[in-house]
Amino acid sequence: MGLVRLRIRELAHGKGWTLKEVAKRSGVPYTTVTTYARSPGMAMADISALIRLMRVLEVSIEELVEIIEE
């Protein structure tokens, strides 16, 4: 199973947003956003949260997710 990293922090920074703003705009709990943003590698994530994050950040899944280990 591969590991992925979510590029939330970089994408939010590009919009001039904080992680709190991302959470508020997306409806994803702040604790989830910060956990995803800080994790160096994850094996699992909530797909509904990822979809909401993609929509609010206006990016594709390929732009949001970085594969770090296969």
Protein backbone atom coordinates (compact mmCIF):
# COMPACT_ATOMS: atom_id res chain seq x y z
CA MET A 1 0.00 0.00 0.00
CA GLY A 2 1.37 3.43 -0.94
CA LEU A 3 1.60 6.59 1.10
CA VAL A 4 0.35 9.99 0.04
CA ARG A 5 0.87 13.52 1.23
CA LEU A 6 -1.82 16.17 0.80
CA ARG A 7 -0.55 19.53 -0.46
CA ILE A 8 -3.13 21.52 1.53
CA ARG A 9 -0.67 23.94 3.12
CA GLU A 10 0.96 24.92 -0.20
CA LEU A 11 -2.35 25.27 -2.01
CA ALA A 12 -3.87 27.35 0.80
CA HIS A 13 -0.78 29.56 0.88
CA GLY A 14 -1.15 30.14 -2.86
CA LYS A 15 -4.63 31.54 -2.22
CA GLY A 16 -3.47 33.58 0.76
CA TRP A 17 -5.54 31.44 3.15
CA THR A 18 -4.76 29.94 6.54
CA LEU A 19 -5.65 26.35 7.36
CA LYS A 20 -8.51 27.71 9.49
CA GLU A 21 -9.89 29.47 6.42
CA VAL A 22 -9.61 26.27 4.39
CA ALA A 23 -11.55 24.41 7.09
CA LYS A 24 -14.25 27.07 7.28
CA ARG A 25 -14.66 27.39 3.52
CA SER A 26 -14.67 23.62 2.89
CA GLY A 27 -16.72 22.47 5.86
CA VAL A 28 -13.98 19.98 6.78
CA PRO A 29 -13.22 20.10 10.52
CA TYR A 30 -10.12 22.15 11.36
CA THR A 31 -8.59 19.20 13.22
CA THR A 32 -8.89 17.08 10.07
CA VAL A 33 -7.41 19.80 7.86
CA THR A 34 -4.43 20.29 10.18
CA THR A 35 -3.88 16.54 10.53
CA TYR A 36 -3.89 16.10 6.76
CA ALA A 37 -1.70 19.18 6.19
CA ARG A 38 0.92 18.15 8.76
CA SER A 39 1.13 14.46 7.95
CA PRO A 40 4.34 13.51 6.12
CA GLY A 41 2.57 10.45 4.70
CA MET A 42 -0.82 8.81 5.04
CA ALA A 43 -2.19 5.47 3.92
CA MET A 44 -5.87 6.51 4.24
CA ALA A 45 -8.01 9.65 4.07
CA ASP A 46 -11.73 10.44 4.07
CA ILE A 47 -12.76 10.72 0.41
CA SER A 48 -15.63 13.12 1.17
CA ALA A 49 -13.17 15.45 2.94
CA LEU A 50 -10.80 15.24 -0.03
CA ILE A 51 -13.59 16.14 -2.44
CA ARG A 52 -14.58 19.16 -0.35
CA LEU A 53 -10.95 20.26 -0.14
CA MET A 54 -10.47 19.87 -3.90
CA ARG A 55 -13.56 21.96 -4.58
CA VAL A 56 -12.70 24.80 -2.24
CA LEU A 57 -9.05 24.90 -3.35
CA GLU A 58 -10.16 24.58 -7.00
CA VAL A 59 -7.71 21.79 -7.81
CA SER A 60 -7.81 18.27 -9.20
CA ILE A 61 -6.99 15.18 -7.16
CA GLU A 62 -3.62 15.05 -8.92
CA GLU A 63 -2.81 18.55 -7.69
CA LEU A 64 -3.94 17.85 -4.12
CA VAL A 65 -2.37 14.43 -3.61
CA GLU A 66 1.36 13.74 -3.86
CA ILE A 67 2.35 10.06 -3.94
CA ILE A 68 5.41 9.66 -1.75
CA GLU A 69 5.71 5.87 -1.58
CA GLU A 70 4.23 3.06 -3.66
